Amino acid sequence: MKKISLLILTLIGSILLVGCQNNDKKEQEVSSLTIKLMQDETTEIKEVTIDKGQHIRYFVPTKEGFVFIGWYTNLEFTDRVDIAEPFLENSVLYAKWQEEPTTNQTRTLTFVIKNMEDDTETVETVETPINKKASAYNPNKEGYSFKGWYLKSDFSSDSQIKLQNTVFGKDTTLYGRWELKK
């Protein structure tokens, strides 16, 4: 009877020992994560394997003619990811890109200034780099105060702009407004 009891205890101990070893193996499998860094929906840039709870080293990809904006968990770019934060599960991250303006791209700003005395117009054009802030341009005219630039020739209040705070991405005509000094 002692031999049978000893044999049963040995079998139970062996089963428990084997079972524990399998659990340890499962924990090891779960502790390793794969993070895929994608340039777009189909082009993989890099795949990184890390331990669960670790972060990946910051990586800035390059793409000809584009500027890298950040990493996102979806292609709609609504959920930005800080890759310095710990990862807890396998992930696929997508790079968001913005087209880089070339140095030779320009836009034309046309300044139309109406002469209040004879109703003629003076037109000046300036070529400037696209997507750069415009420089302030405030003309002077004796006896008049310059009141600003407008996108519409009727000088409606909703069309007034401040040049030094505006980025123009396309050719634009601006109308200067004057008032007689009192």
N, C-alpha and C. Protein backbone atom coordinates (compact mmCIF):
# COMPACT_ATOMS: atom_id res chain seq x y z
N MET A 1 0.82 -1.19 0.00
CA MET A 1 0.00 0.00 0.00
C MET A 1 0.87 1.26 0.00
N LYS A 2 1.97 1.21 0.78
CA LYS A 2 2.87 2.36 0.81
C LYS A 2 3.47 2.60 -0.57
N LYS A 3 3.77 1.51 -1.28
CA LYS A 3 4.37 1.65 -2.61
C LYS A 3 3.38 2.29 -3.58
N ILE A 4 2.12 1.93 -3.49
CA ILE A 4 1.10 2.50 -4.38
C ILE A 4 0.90 3.98 -4.05
N SER A 5 0.87 4.30 -2.76
CA SER A 5 0.72 5.71 -2.36
C SER A 5 1.91 6.53 -2.84
N LEU A 6 3.11 5.97 -2.68
CA LEU A 6 4.31 6.66 -3.13
C LEU A 6 4.30 6.84 -4.64
N LEU A 7 3.85 5.84 -5.36
CA LEU A 7 3.76 5.91 -6.81
C LEU A 7 2.75 6.98 -7.24
N ILE A 8 1.60 7.04 -6.57
CA ILE A 8 0.57 8.04 -6.89
C ILE A 8 1.09 9.44 -6.59
N LEU A 9 1.76 9.61 -5.46
CA LEU A 9 2.33 10.93 -5.12
C LEU A 9 3.38 11.34 -6.13
N THR A 10 4.19 10.40 -6.58
CA THR A 10 5.22 10.69 -7.57
C THR A 10 4.58 11.12 -8.89
N LEU A 11 3.52 10.43 -9.30
CA LEU A 11 2.81 10.79 -10.54
C LEU A 11 2.19 12.18 -10.43
N ILE A 12 1.53 12.46 -9.31
CA ILE A 12 0.91 13.78 -9.11
C ILE A 12 1.98 14.87 -9.11
N GLY A 13 3.09 14.61 -8.43
CA GLY A 13 4.19 15.58 -8.41
C GLY A 13 4.76 15.84 -9.79
N SER A 14 4.91 14.78 -10.58
CA SER A 14 5.42 14.92 -11.95
C SER A 14 4.47 15.74 -12.81
N ILE A 15 3.18 15.47 -12.68
CA ILE A 15 2.17 16.21 -13.46
C ILE A 15 2.20 17.68 -13.09
N LEU A 16 2.26 17.98 -11.79
CA LEU A 16 2.32 19.38 -11.35
C LEU A 16 3.58 20.06 -11.85
N LEU A 17 4.70 19.35 -11.80
CA LEU A 17 5.96 19.92 -12.24
C LEU A 17 5.91 20.23 -13.73
N VAL A 18 5.39 19.33 -14.53
CA VAL A 18 5.26 19.56 -15.98
C VAL A 18 4.28 20.70 -16.24
N GLY A 19 3.18 20.73 -15.50
CA GLY A 19 2.20 21.81 -15.65
C GLY A 19 2.79 23.16 -15.33
N CYS A 20 3.61 23.26 -14.31
CA CYS A 20 4.25 24.53 -13.94
C CYS A 20 5.21 24.98 -15.02
N GLN A 21 5.94 24.03 -15.60
CA GLN A 21 6.87 24.39 -16.65
C GLN A 21 6.14 24.95 -17.86
N ASN A 22 5.00 24.42 -18.22
CA ASN A 22 4.22 24.94 -19.34
C ASN A 22 3.72 26.35 -19.05
N ASN A 23 3.29 26.64 -17.82
CA ASN A 23 2.83 27.98 -17.46
C ASN A 23 3.97 28.98 -17.57
N ASP A 24 5.17 28.60 -17.13
CA ASP A 24 6.31 29.49 -17.24
C ASP A 24 6.59 29.82 -18.70
N LYS A 25 6.46 28.82 -19.56
CA LYS A 25 6.70 29.02 -20.98
C LYS A 25 5.67 29.99 -21.56
N LYS A 26 4.39 29.85 -21.14
CA LYS A 26 3.34 30.75 -21.62
C LYS A 26 3.62 32.18 -21.17
N GLU A 27 4.09 32.36 -19.92
CA GLU A 27 4.41 33.70 -19.43
C GLU A 27 5.54 34.31 -20.25
N GLN A 28 6.54 33.49 -20.62
CA GLN A 28 7.65 33.99 -21.42
C GLN A 28 7.16 34.43 -22.80
N GLU A 29 6.23 33.66 -23.39
CA GLU A 29 5.70 34.01 -24.69
C GLU A 29 4.95 35.34 -24.64
N VAL A 30 4.17 35.58 -23.61
CA VAL A 30 3.36 36.79 -23.47
C VAL A 30 4.23 37.99 -23.14
N SER A 31 5.40 37.78 -22.54
CA SER A 31 6.22 38.91 -22.13
C SER A 31 6.95 39.57 -23.29
N SER A 32 6.94 38.97 -24.47
CA SER A 32 7.59 39.52 -25.65
C SER A 32 6.53 40.06 -26.61
N LEU A 33 6.69 41.31 -27.04
CA LEU A 33 5.72 41.95 -27.93
C LEU A 33 6.36 42.31 -29.27
N THR A 34 5.53 42.38 -30.30
CA THR A 34 5.98 42.81 -31.61
C THR A 34 5.27 44.11 -31.96
N ILE A 35 6.05 45.12 -32.32
CA ILE A 35 5.51 46.41 -32.75
C ILE A 35 5.91 46.59 -34.21
N LYS A 36 4.92 46.71 -35.09
CA LYS A 36 5.18 46.94 -36.51
C LYS A 36 5.04 48.42 -36.80
N LEU A 37 6.04 49.00 -37.44
CA LEU A 37 6.01 50.40 -37.85
C LEU A 37 5.78 50.44 -39.35
N MET A 38 4.66 51.02 -39.75
CA MET A 38 4.24 51.01 -41.15
C MET A 38 4.35 52.41 -41.77
N GLN A 39 4.85 52.47 -43.00
CA GLN A 39 4.91 53.73 -43.73
C GLN A 39 3.53 54.13 -44.23
N ASP A 40 2.77 53.13 -44.62
CA ASP A 40 1.39 53.33 -45.08
C ASP A 40 0.66 52.01 -44.83
N GLU A 41 -0.45 51.81 -45.47
CA GLU A 41 -1.27 50.62 -45.21
C GLU A 41 -0.54 49.31 -45.53
N THR A 42 0.34 49.32 -46.52
CA THR A 42 0.95 48.07 -46.98
C THR A 42 2.47 48.00 -46.85
N THR A 43 3.14 49.11 -46.62
CA THR A 43 4.60 49.13 -46.60
C THR A 43 5.14 49.17 -45.17
N GLU A 44 5.79 48.07 -44.79
CA GLU A 44 6.37 48.01 -43.45
C GLU A 44 7.74 48.68 -43.45
N ILE A 45 7.96 49.54 -42.47
CA ILE A 45 9.26 50.20 -42.33
C ILE A 45 10.19 49.33 -41.49
N LYS A 46 9.63 48.84 -40.38
CA LYS A 46 10.46 48.15 -39.42
C LYS A 46 9.57 47.36 -38.47
N GLU A 47 10.10 46.24 -37.96
CA GLU A 47 9.40 45.48 -36.93
C GLU A 47 10.32 45.40 -35.72
N VAL A 48 9.78 45.72 -34.55
CA VAL A 48 10.58 45.78 -33.33
C VAL A 48 10.01 44.78 -32.33
N THR A 49 10.88 44.00 -31.69
CA THR A 49 10.45 43.09 -30.62
C THR A 49 10.95 43.66 -29.30
N ILE A 50 10.02 43.81 -28.35
CA ILE A 50 10.36 44.37 -27.04
C ILE A 50 9.71 43.52 -25.95
N ASP A 51 10.15 43.73 -24.72
CA ASP A 51 9.50 43.09 -23.58
C ASP A 51 8.24 43.85 -23.26
N LYS A 52 7.22 43.13 -22.81
CA LYS A 52 5.95 43.74 -22.40
C LYS A 52 6.24 44.80 -21.33
N GLY A 53 5.62 45.97 -21.48
CA GLY A 53 5.80 47.05 -20.51
C GLY A 53 6.98 47.95 -20.84
N GLN A 54 7.70 47.64 -21.91
CA GLN A 54 8.83 48.48 -22.33
C GLN A 54 8.37 49.43 -23.44
N HIS A 55 9.19 50.42 -23.74
CA HIS A 55 8.91 51.31 -24.86
C HIS A 55 9.92 51.04 -25.96
N ILE A 56 9.62 51.56 -27.14
CA ILE A 56 10.59 51.40 -28.23
C ILE A 56 11.39 52.69 -28.35
N ARG A 57 12.61 52.54 -28.80
CA ARG A 57 13.48 53.70 -28.99
C ARG A 57 12.87 54.59 -30.06
N TYR A 58 12.90 55.90 -29.84
CA TYR A 58 12.27 56.82 -30.78
C TYR A 58 12.89 56.65 -32.16
N PHE A 59 12.03 56.55 -33.13
CA PHE A 59 12.46 56.31 -34.50
C PHE A 59 11.71 57.25 -35.43
N VAL A 60 12.44 58.06 -36.17
CA VAL A 60 11.84 58.98 -37.13
C VAL A 60 12.14 58.47 -38.54
N PRO A 61 11.12 57.98 -39.23
CA PRO A 61 11.34 57.48 -40.59
C PRO A 61 11.48 58.64 -41.57
N THR A 62 11.94 58.33 -42.76
CA THR A 62 12.02 59.34 -43.80
C THR A 62 11.26 58.86 -45.03
N LYS A 63 10.73 59.82 -45.77
CA LYS A 63 10.02 59.52 -47.01
C LYS A 63 10.26 60.72 -47.92
N GLU A 64 10.77 60.46 -49.10
CA GLU A 64 11.12 61.51 -50.05
C GLU A 64 9.95 62.45 -50.31
N GLY A 65 10.16 63.75 -50.09
CA GLY A 65 9.15 64.76 -50.38
C GLY A 65 8.12 64.95 -49.29
N PHE A 66 8.32 64.29 -48.12
CA PHE A 66 7.34 64.38 -47.04
C PHE A 66 8.03 64.65 -45.70
N VAL A 67 7.27 65.21 -44.77
CA VAL A 67 7.73 65.45 -43.41
C VAL A 67 6.96 64.49 -42.50
N PHE A 68 7.68 63.81 -41.60
CA PHE A 68 7.05 62.89 -40.65
C PHE A 68 6.33 63.69 -39.56
N ILE A 69 5.05 63.34 -39.29
CA ILE A 69 4.23 64.04 -38.30
C ILE A 69 4.16 63.27 -36.99
N GLY A 70 4.03 61.94 -37.04
CA GLY A 70 3.93 61.14 -35.82
C GLY A 70 3.42 59.74 -36.10
N TRP A 71 3.32 58.94 -35.02
CA TRP A 71 2.84 57.56 -35.11
C TRP A 71 1.40 57.49 -34.63
N TYR A 72 0.58 56.70 -35.34
CA TYR A 72 -0.84 56.55 -35.03
C TYR A 72 -1.23 55.08 -35.07
N THR A 73 -2.29 54.73 -34.34
CA THR A 73 -2.74 53.33 -34.30
C THR A 73 -3.72 53.00 -35.42
N ASN A 74 -4.14 54.01 -36.19
CA ASN A 74 -5.09 53.74 -37.27
C ASN A 74 -4.77 54.62 -38.48
N LEU A 75 -5.32 54.23 -39.61
CA LEU A 75 -5.06 54.96 -40.86
C LEU A 75 -5.87 56.25 -40.98
N GLU A 76 -6.80 56.47 -40.07
CA GLU A 76 -7.54 57.74 -40.05
C GLU A 76 -6.75 58.79 -39.28
N PHE A 77 -5.67 58.37 -38.64
CA PHE A 77 -4.78 59.24 -37.86
C PHE A 77 -5.53 60.00 -36.77
N THR A 78 -6.38 59.28 -36.04
CA THR A 78 -7.14 59.90 -34.95
C THR A 78 -6.57 59.56 -33.58
N ASP A 79 -5.72 58.53 -33.49
CA ASP A 79 -5.20 58.10 -32.19
C ASP A 79 -3.67 58.11 -32.23
N ARG A 80 -3.10 59.26 -31.84
CA ARG A 80 -1.65 59.40 -31.85
C ARG A 80 -1.03 58.62 -30.70
N VAL A 81 0.15 58.06 -30.94
CA VAL A 81 0.83 57.22 -29.95
C VAL A 81 2.15 57.87 -29.58
N ASP A 82 2.43 57.87 -28.27
CA ASP A 82 3.74 58.29 -27.79
C ASP A 82 4.56 57.02 -27.63
N ILE A 83 5.52 56.79 -28.53
CA ILE A 83 6.26 55.53 -28.49
C ILE A 83 7.22 55.45 -27.31
N ALA A 84 7.34 56.53 -26.55
CA ALA A 84 8.14 56.49 -25.33
C ALA A 84 7.35 55.89 -24.17
N GLU A 85 6.05 55.70 -24.36
CA GLU A 85 5.19 55.08 -23.33
C GLU A 85 5.32 53.56 -23.43
N PRO A 86 5.12 52.83 -22.31
CA PRO A 86 5.22 51.36 -22.35
C PRO A 86 4.13 50.71 -23.20
N PHE A 87 4.50 49.68 -23.92
CA PHE A 87 3.55 48.90 -24.72
C PHE A 87 3.13 47.67 -23.93
N LEU A 88 1.84 47.36 -23.96
CA LEU A 88 1.30 46.22 -23.22
C LEU A 88 0.76 45.12 -24.13
N GLU A 89 0.72 45.39 -25.45
CA GLU A 89 0.23 44.38 -26.39
C GLU A 89 0.89 44.59 -27.75
N ASN A 90 0.83 43.56 -28.59
CA ASN A 90 1.34 43.69 -29.95
C ASN A 90 0.62 44.84 -30.62
N SER A 91 1.34 45.63 -31.42
CA SER A 91 0.74 46.82 -32.02
C SER A 91 1.24 47.03 -33.44
N VAL A 92 0.40 47.70 -34.23
CA VAL A 92 0.77 48.16 -35.56
C VAL A 92 0.61 49.67 -35.54
N LEU A 93 1.69 50.39 -35.85
CA LEU A 93 1.66 51.85 -35.85
C LEU A 93 1.88 52.37 -37.27
N TYR A 94 1.13 53.41 -37.62
CA TYR A 94 1.21 53.98 -38.96
C TYR A 94 1.82 55.37 -38.90
N ALA A 95 2.75 55.63 -39.81
CA ALA A 95 3.38 56.95 -39.89
C ALA A 95 2.44 57.91 -40.60
N LYS A 96 2.29 59.10 -40.03
CA LYS A 96 1.51 60.15 -40.69
C LYS A 96 2.51 61.09 -41.36
N TRP A 97 2.20 61.45 -42.60
CA TRP A 97 3.10 62.28 -43.40
C TRP A 97 2.38 63.54 -43.86
N GLN A 98 3.16 64.59 -44.05
CA GLN A 98 2.65 65.83 -44.66
C GLN A 98 3.59 66.16 -45.81
N GLU A 99 3.00 66.52 -46.93
CA GLU A 99 3.83 66.85 -48.09
C GLU A 99 4.71 68.04 -47.76
N GLU A 100 5.97 67.90 -48.12
CA GLU A 100 6.94 68.95 -47.85
C GLU A 100 6.94 69.94 -49.02
N PRO A 101 6.73 71.23 -48.72
CA PRO A 101 6.76 72.18 -49.82
C PRO A 101 8.18 72.30 -50.37
N THR A 102 8.29 72.35 -51.67
CA THR A 102 9.62 72.51 -52.26
C THR A 102 10.00 73.97 -52.21
N THR A 103 11.29 74.21 -52.21
CA THR A 103 11.78 75.59 -52.07
C THR A 103 11.45 76.44 -53.29
N ASN A 104 11.19 75.83 -54.43
CA ASN A 104 10.91 76.63 -55.62
C ASN A 104 9.42 76.91 -55.80
N GLN A 105 8.56 76.41 -54.90
CA GLN A 105 7.14 76.71 -55.00
C GLN A 105 6.88 78.10 -54.43
N THR A 106 6.17 78.90 -55.21
CA THR A 106 5.84 80.25 -54.75
C THR A 106 4.36 80.51 -54.98
N ARG A 107 3.90 81.58 -54.38
CA ARG A 107 2.55 82.06 -54.62
C ARG A 107 2.66 83.56 -54.80
N THR A 108 1.69 84.10 -55.52
CA THR A 108 1.69 85.54 -55.81
C THR A 108 0.66 86.23 -54.94
N LEU A 109 1.11 87.25 -54.24
CA LEU A 109 0.20 88.13 -53.52
C LEU A 109 0.05 89.39 -54.35
N THR A 110 -1.19 89.73 -54.69
CA THR A 110 -1.47 90.93 -55.47
C THR A 110 -2.11 91.94 -54.54
N PHE A 111 -1.47 93.11 -54.42
CA PHE A 111 -1.96 94.18 -53.55
C PHE A 111 -2.63 95.24 -54.43
N VAL A 112 -3.91 95.46 -54.22
CA VAL A 112 -4.67 96.46 -54.98
C VAL A 112 -4.96 97.63 -54.03
N ILE A 113 -4.46 98.82 -54.41
CA ILE A 113 -4.67 100.01 -53.59
C ILE A 113 -5.41 101.04 -54.42
N LYS A 114 -6.58 101.41 -53.96
CA LYS A 114 -7.42 102.36 -54.69
C LYS A 114 -7.01 103.79 -54.33
N ASN A 115 -6.81 104.61 -55.38
CA ASN A 115 -6.50 106.02 -55.19
C ASN A 115 -7.82 106.74 -54.92
N MET A 116 -7.96 107.33 -53.75
CA MET A 116 -9.23 107.93 -53.32
C MET A 116 -9.56 109.21 -54.10
N GLU A 117 -8.55 109.87 -54.71
CA GLU A 117 -8.81 111.14 -55.39
C GLU A 117 -9.37 110.96 -56.80
N ASP A 118 -8.81 110.01 -57.56
CA ASP A 118 -9.27 109.89 -58.95
C ASP A 118 -9.82 108.49 -59.27
N ASP A 119 -10.04 107.67 -58.26
CA ASP A 119 -10.66 106.35 -58.39
C ASP A 119 -9.83 105.36 -59.23
N THR A 120 -8.54 105.64 -59.40
CA THR A 120 -7.67 104.69 -60.10
C THR A 120 -7.10 103.70 -59.07
N GLU A 121 -6.53 102.62 -59.58
CA GLU A 121 -5.96 101.61 -58.69
C GLU A 121 -4.49 101.42 -58.98
N THR A 122 -3.72 101.22 -57.92
CA THR A 122 -2.32 100.84 -58.03
C THR A 122 -2.24 99.37 -57.67
N VAL A 123 -1.58 98.60 -58.53
CA VAL A 123 -1.48 97.16 -58.29
C VAL A 123 0.00 96.79 -58.16
N GLU A 124 0.32 96.10 -57.08
CA GLU A 124 1.68 95.60 -56.88
C GLU A 124 1.58 94.10 -56.63
N THR A 125 2.53 93.34 -57.18
CA THR A 125 2.55 91.90 -56.94
C THR A 125 3.87 91.50 -56.29
N VAL A 126 3.78 90.50 -55.44
CA VAL A 126 4.96 90.00 -54.73
C VAL A 126 4.94 88.47 -54.81
N GLU A 127 6.06 87.88 -55.22
CA GLU A 127 6.22 86.42 -55.22
C GLU A 127 6.90 86.03 -53.91
N THR A 128 6.28 85.11 -53.18
CA THR A 128 6.87 84.66 -51.92
C THR A 128 6.76 83.14 -51.82
N PRO A 129 7.61 82.50 -51.00
CA PRO A 129 7.54 81.04 -50.85
C PRO A 129 6.17 80.60 -50.33
N ILE A 130 5.70 79.49 -50.86
CA ILE A 130 4.40 78.97 -50.45
C ILE A 130 4.46 78.50 -49.00
N ASN A 131 3.35 78.62 -48.30
CA ASN A 131 3.19 78.17 -46.92
C ASN A 131 4.13 78.85 -45.92
N LYS A 132 4.54 80.06 -46.21
CA LYS A 132 5.32 80.87 -45.27
C LYS A 132 4.48 82.08 -44.89
N LYS A 133 4.69 82.58 -43.67
CA LYS A 133 3.94 83.75 -43.23
C LYS A 133 4.31 84.95 -44.10
N ALA A 134 3.30 85.72 -44.45
CA ALA A 134 3.52 86.92 -45.26
C ALA A 134 4.12 88.02 -44.39
N SER A 135 4.89 88.88 -45.01
CA SER A 135 5.45 90.03 -44.30
C SER A 135 4.41 91.14 -44.25
N ALA A 136 4.50 91.95 -43.21
CA ALA A 136 3.58 93.08 -43.09
C ALA A 136 3.89 94.08 -44.21
N TYR A 137 2.86 94.62 -44.79
CA TYR A 137 3.01 95.63 -45.84
C TYR A 137 1.91 96.66 -45.61
N ASN A 138 2.29 97.81 -45.08
CA ASN A 138 1.34 98.89 -44.80
C ASN A 138 1.77 100.14 -45.55
N PRO A 139 1.11 100.44 -46.66
CA PRO A 139 1.49 101.62 -47.45
C PRO A 139 1.13 102.92 -46.74
N ASN A 140 1.77 104.00 -47.17
CA ASN A 140 1.50 105.34 -46.62
C ASN A 140 0.93 106.23 -47.71
N LYS A 141 0.00 107.09 -47.34
CA LYS A 141 -0.57 108.06 -48.28
C LYS A 141 -0.90 109.31 -47.49
N GLU A 142 -0.36 110.42 -47.93
CA GLU A 142 -0.55 111.69 -47.23
C GLU A 142 -2.04 112.03 -47.11
N GLY A 143 -2.45 112.35 -45.88
CA GLY A 143 -3.83 112.75 -45.62
C GLY A 143 -4.78 111.58 -45.36
N TYR A 144 -4.27 110.37 -45.43
CA TYR A 144 -5.12 109.19 -45.24
C TYR A 144 -4.50 108.24 -44.19
N SER A 145 -5.35 107.49 -43.55
CA SER A 145 -4.91 106.44 -42.63
C SER A 145 -5.18 105.09 -43.30
N PHE A 146 -4.16 104.24 -43.29
CA PHE A 146 -4.34 102.91 -43.86
C PHE A 146 -5.06 102.05 -42.83
N LYS A 147 -6.17 101.44 -43.21
CA LYS A 147 -7.02 100.68 -42.28
C LYS A 147 -6.87 99.17 -42.40
N GLY A 148 -6.10 98.70 -43.35
CA GLY A 148 -5.84 97.26 -43.42
C GLY A 148 -6.11 96.63 -44.76
N TRP A 149 -5.87 95.31 -44.79
CA TRP A 149 -6.03 94.51 -46.00
C TRP A 149 -7.28 93.64 -45.91
N TYR A 150 -7.93 93.49 -47.06
CA TYR A 150 -9.18 92.73 -47.15
C TYR A 150 -9.09 91.75 -48.31
N LEU A 151 -9.78 90.63 -48.16
CA LEU A 151 -9.84 89.63 -49.22
C LEU A 151 -10.91 89.96 -50.26
N LYS A 152 -11.83 90.88 -49.91
CA LYS A 152 -12.91 91.28 -50.82
C LYS A 152 -12.82 92.78 -51.08
N SER A 153 -13.14 93.16 -52.31
CA SER A 153 -13.05 94.58 -52.69
C SER A 153 -14.12 95.44 -52.05
N ASP A 154 -15.15 94.83 -51.46
CA ASP A 154 -16.19 95.62 -50.78
C ASP A 154 -15.81 95.92 -49.33
N PHE A 155 -14.63 95.45 -48.90
CA PHE A 155 -14.09 95.69 -47.56
C PHE A 155 -15.01 95.19 -46.45
N SER A 156 -15.71 94.10 -46.69
CA SER A 156 -16.60 93.55 -45.66
C SER A 156 -15.75 93.10 -44.46
N SER A 157 -16.29 93.30 -43.27
CA SER A 157 -15.52 93.05 -42.05
C SER A 157 -15.05 91.59 -41.93
N ASP A 158 -15.81 90.65 -42.49
CA ASP A 158 -15.40 89.25 -42.40
C ASP A 158 -14.24 88.91 -43.33
N SER A 159 -13.84 89.85 -44.17
CA SER A 159 -12.74 89.56 -45.09
C SER A 159 -11.45 90.27 -44.71
N GLN A 160 -11.43 90.99 -43.58
CA GLN A 160 -10.21 91.68 -43.16
C GLN A 160 -9.21 90.67 -42.60
N ILE A 161 -7.94 90.85 -42.94
CA ILE A 161 -6.89 89.95 -42.45
C ILE A 161 -5.70 90.76 -41.97
N LYS A 162 -4.86 90.13 -41.18
CA LYS A 162 -3.59 90.72 -40.76
C LYS A 162 -2.50 89.95 -41.51
N LEU A 163 -1.77 90.64 -42.34
CA LEU A 163 -0.76 89.98 -43.18
C LEU A 163 0.26 89.20 -42.38
N GLN A 164 0.80 89.81 -41.34
CA GLN A 164 1.89 89.17 -40.60
C GLN A 164 1.46 87.91 -39.87
N ASN A 165 0.17 87.64 -39.76
CA ASN A 165 -0.32 86.43 -39.09
C ASN A 165 -0.92 85.43 -40.07
N THR A 166 -0.76 85.64 -41.35
CA THR A 166 -1.44 84.81 -42.33
C THR A 166 -0.46 84.02 -43.19
N VAL A 167 -0.79 82.75 -43.40
CA VAL A 167 -0.03 81.90 -44.31
C VAL A 167 -0.91 81.69 -45.54
N PHE A 168 -0.37 81.99 -46.71
CA PHE A 168 -1.11 81.83 -47.96
C PHE A 168 -0.57 80.62 -48.70
N GLY A 169 -1.44 79.71 -49.07
CA GLY A 169 -1.03 78.53 -49.80
C GLY A 169 -1.32 78.63 -51.28
N LYS A 170 -1.93 79.74 -51.70
CA LYS A 170 -2.27 79.91 -53.12
C LYS A 170 -2.18 81.39 -53.47
N ASP A 171 -2.24 81.69 -54.76
CA ASP A 171 -2.24 83.08 -55.21
C ASP A 171 -3.45 83.80 -54.62
N THR A 172 -3.23 85.03 -54.14
CA THR A 172 -4.29 85.76 -53.45
C THR A 172 -4.23 87.23 -53.82
N THR A 173 -5.41 87.84 -53.98
CA THR A 173 -5.50 89.29 -54.20
C THR A 173 -6.01 89.93 -52.92
N LEU A 174 -5.32 90.99 -52.50
CA LEU A 174 -5.69 91.72 -51.29
C LEU A 174 -6.01 93.16 -51.64
N TYR A 175 -7.00 93.72 -50.95
CA TYR A 175 -7.45 95.08 -51.23
C TYR A 175 -7.16 95.96 -50.01
N GLY A 176 -6.44 97.08 -50.27
CA GLY A 176 -6.11 98.01 -49.19
C GLY A 176 -7.23 99.03 -48.98
N ARG A 177 -7.54 99.30 -47.71
CA ARG A 177 -8.61 100.25 -47.37
C ARG A 177 -7.99 101.49 -46.72
N TRP A 178 -8.47 102.65 -47.16
CA TRP A 178 -8.02 103.94 -46.64
C TRP A 178 -9.18 104.69 -46.03
N GLU A 179 -8.85 105.56 -45.07
CA GLU A 179 -9.83 106.51 -44.54
C GLU A 179 -9.15 107.87 -44.49
N LEU A 180 -9.93 108.90 -44.81
CA LEU A 180 -9.44 110.28 -44.76
C LEU A 180 -9.17 110.65 -43.31
N LYS A 181 -7.97 111.20 -43.05
CA LYS A 181 -7.64 111.64 -41.68
C LYS A 181 -8.51 112.83 -41.33
N LYS A 182 -8.92 112.91 -40.08
CA LYS A 182 -9.78 114.01 -39.63
C LYS A 182 -9.01 115.04 -38.88
